[in-house]
Amino acid sequence: MSDNVEDLLKKRADLERRKERLNGKLDNARESLNEMNSQLEAMGISPSQIDQEIERLALERDAKIKEYNEALQNAEEILNRIEGRLNNL
């Protein structure tokens, strides 16, 4: 019976160590979250509206990519016209 008690005490101690380790990880995660929230606020972004900001940035990126592609197409058309004229000389 004393073996059972010792086993239970060891198991309890092990569980307490695991709990402490997990509490440490939780504290680190909270600190990281607070730091990230502070950085977002410093950039003028409300942490509670991060999803909207991500969506806004994605739309802005897509618009810039479209604009860049259009500029490239325009440049290609101009170069093709110039090459065509040069070939006709």
C-alpha atoms as a PDB file:
ATOM      1  CA  MET A   1       0.000   0.000   0.000  1.00  0.00           C
ATOM      2  CA  SER A   2       2.855   2.376   0.687  1.00  0.00           C
ATOM      3  CA  ASP A   3       4.034   1.810  -2.902  1.00  0.00           C
ATOM      4  CA  ASN A   4       0.652   3.022  -4.120  1.00  0.00           C
ATOM      5  CA  VAL A   5       0.888   6.129  -1.945  1.00  0.00           C
ATOM      6  CA  GLU A   6       4.432   6.808  -3.138  1.00  0.00           C
ATOM      7  CA  ASP A   7       3.353   6.332  -6.746  1.00  0.00           C
ATOM      8  CA  LEU A   8       0.460   8.728  -6.213  1.00  0.00           C
ATOM      9  CA  LEU A   9       2.761  11.295  -4.598  1.00  0.00           C
ATOM     10  CA  LYS A  10       5.227  10.993  -7.491  1.00  0.00           C
ATOM     11  CA  LYS A  11       2.426  11.363  -9.985  1.00  0.00           C
ATOM     12  CA  ARG A  12       1.129  14.418  -8.108  1.00  0.00           C
ATOM     13  CA  ALA A  13       4.599  15.987  -8.085  1.00  0.00           C
ATOM     14  CA  ASP A  14       4.975  15.282 -11.797  1.00  0.00           C
ATOM     15  CA  LEU A  15       1.603  16.868 -12.513  1.00  0.00           C
ATOM     16  CA  GLU A  16       2.541  19.918 -10.458  1.00  0.00           C
ATOM     17  CA  ARG A  17       5.804  20.317 -12.429  1.00  0.00           C
ATOM     18  CA  ARG A  18       3.917  20.021 -15.690  1.00  0.00           C
ATOM     19  CA  LYS A  19       1.372  22.558 -14.471  1.00  0.00           C
ATOM     20  CA  GLU A  20       4.132  25.020 -13.560  1.00  0.00           C
ATOM     21  CA  ARG A  21       5.815  24.550 -16.928  1.00  0.00           C
ATOM     22  CA  LEU A  22       2.502  25.165 -18.716  1.00  0.00           C
ATOM     23  CA  ASN A  23       1.828  28.220 -16.556  1.00  0.00           C
ATOM     24  CA  GLY A  24       5.240  29.559 -17.577  1.00  0.00           C
ATOM     25  CA  LYS A  25       4.424  29.021 -21.245  1.00  0.00           C
ATOM     26  CA  LEU A  26       1.052  30.715 -20.730  1.00  0.00           C
ATOM     27  CA  ASP A  27       2.741  33.714 -19.086  1.00  0.00           C
ATOM     28  CA  ASN A  28       5.203  33.953 -21.992  1.00  0.00           C
ATOM     29  CA  ALA A  29       2.360  33.796 -24.494  1.00  0.00           C
ATOM     30  CA  ARG A  30       0.500  36.560 -22.635  1.00  0.00           C
ATOM     31  CA  GLU A  31       3.616  38.731 -22.585  1.00  0.00           C
ATOM     32  CA  SER A  32       4.105  38.179 -26.319  1.00  0.00           C
ATOM     33  CA  LEU A  33       0.472  39.053 -26.980  1.00  0.00           C
ATOM     34  CA  ASN A  34       0.747  42.227 -24.908  1.00  0.00           C
ATOM     35  CA  GLU A  35       3.935  43.200 -26.741  1.00  0.00           C
ATOM     36  CA  MET A  36       2.297  42.566 -30.106  1.00  0.00           C
ATOM     37  CA  ASN A  37      -0.749  44.613 -29.088  1.00  0.00           C
ATOM     38  CA  SER A  38       1.535  47.471 -28.013  1.00  0.00           C
ATOM     39  CA  GLN A  39       3.351  47.347 -31.358  1.00  0.00           C
ATOM     40  CA  LEU A  40       0.051  47.381 -33.238  1.00  0.00           C
ATOM     41  CA  GLU A  41      -1.176  50.364 -31.217  1.00  0.00           C
ATOM     42  CA  ALA A  42       2.126  52.166 -31.882  1.00  0.00           C
ATOM     43  CA  MET A  43       1.430  51.694 -35.612  1.00  0.00           C
ATOM     44  CA  GLY A  44      -2.072  53.116 -35.160  1.00  0.00           C
ATOM     45  CA  ILE A  45      -3.838  49.767 -35.480  1.00  0.00           C
ATOM     46  CA  SER A  46      -6.381  48.674 -32.919  1.00  0.00           C
ATOM     47  CA  PRO A  47      -5.679  45.064 -31.886  1.00  0.00           C
ATOM     48  CA  SER A  48      -9.414  44.379 -31.829  1.00  0.00           C
ATOM     49  CA  GLN A  49      -9.635  45.397 -35.499  1.00  0.00           C
ATOM     50  CA  ILE A  50      -6.649  43.431 -36.790  1.00  0.00           C
ATOM     51  CA  ASP A  51      -8.827  41.351 -39.133  1.00  0.00           C
ATOM     52  CA  GLN A  52     -10.151  44.493 -40.828  1.00  0.00           C
ATOM     53  CA  GLU A  53      -6.619  45.877 -41.126  1.00  0.00           C
ATOM     54  CA  ILE A  54      -5.384  42.647 -42.701  1.00  0.00           C
ATOM     55  CA  GLU A  55      -8.268  42.766 -45.183  1.00  0.00           C
ATOM     56  CA  ARG A  56      -7.542  46.431 -45.976  1.00  0.00           C
ATOM     57  CA  LEU A  57      -3.867  45.678 -46.566  1.00  0.00           C
ATOM     58  CA  ALA A  58      -4.699  42.670 -48.752  1.00  0.00           C
ATOM     59  CA  LEU A  59      -7.016  44.815 -50.892  1.00  0.00           C
ATOM     60  CA  GLU A  60      -4.370  47.526 -51.114  1.00  0.00           C
ATOM     61  CA  ARG A  61      -1.769  44.947 -52.160  1.00  0.00           C
ATOM     62  CA  ASP A  62      -4.088  43.522 -54.824  1.00  0.00           C
ATOM     63  CA  ALA A  63      -4.756  47.006 -56.191  1.00  0.00           C
ATOM     64  CA  LYS A  64      -1.020  47.771 -56.356  1.00  0.00           C
ATOM     65  CA  ILE A  65      -0.319  44.465 -58.121  1.00  0.00           C
ATOM     66  CA  LYS A  66      -3.056  45.198 -60.657  1.00  0.00           C
ATOM     67  CA  GLU A  67      -1.669  48.701 -61.197  1.00  0.00           C
ATOM     68  CA  TYR A  68       1.852  47.298 -61.650  1.00  0.00           C
ATOM     69  CA  ASN A  69       0.649  44.672 -64.152  1.00  0.00           C
ATOM     70  CA  GLU A  70      -1.185  47.341 -66.137  1.00  0.00           C
ATOM     71  CA  ALA A  71       1.951  49.494 -66.209  1.00  0.00           C
ATOM     72  CA  LEU A  72       3.987  46.510 -67.409  1.00  0.00           C
ATOM     73  CA  GLN A  73       1.464  45.769 -70.156  1.00  0.00           C
ATOM     74  CA  ASN A  74       1.501  49.402 -71.223  1.00  0.00           C
ATOM     75  CA  ALA A  75       5.309  49.409 -71.339  1.00  0.00           C
ATOM     76  CA  GLU A  76       5.286  46.186 -73.359  1.00  0.00           C
ATOM     77  CA  GLU A  77       2.814  47.670 -75.876  1.00  0.00           C
ATOM     78  CA  ILE A  78       4.979  50.782 -76.272  1.00  0.00           C
ATOM     79  CA  LEU A  79       8.116  48.696 -76.777  1.00  0.00           C
ATOM     80  CA  ASN A  80       6.327  46.484 -79.303  1.00  0.00           C
ATOM     81  CA  ARG A  81       5.228  49.587 -81.258  1.00  0.00           C
ATOM     82  CA  ILE A  82       8.766  50.966 -81.239  1.00  0.00           C
ATOM     83  CA  GLU A  83      10.189  47.614 -82.364  1.00  0.00           C
ATOM     84  CA  GLY A  84       7.572  47.439 -85.123  1.00  0.00           C
ATOM     85  CA  ARG A  85       8.478  50.891 -86.380  1.00  0.00           C
ATOM     86  CA  LEU A  86      12.173  50.076 -86.302  1.00  0.00           C
ATOM     87  CA  ASN A  87      11.555  46.867 -88.273  1.00  0.00           C
ATOM     88  CA  ASN A  88       9.729  48.875 -90.949  1.00  0.00           C
ATOM     89  CA  LEU A  89      12.675  51.206 -91.557  1.00  0.00           C
END
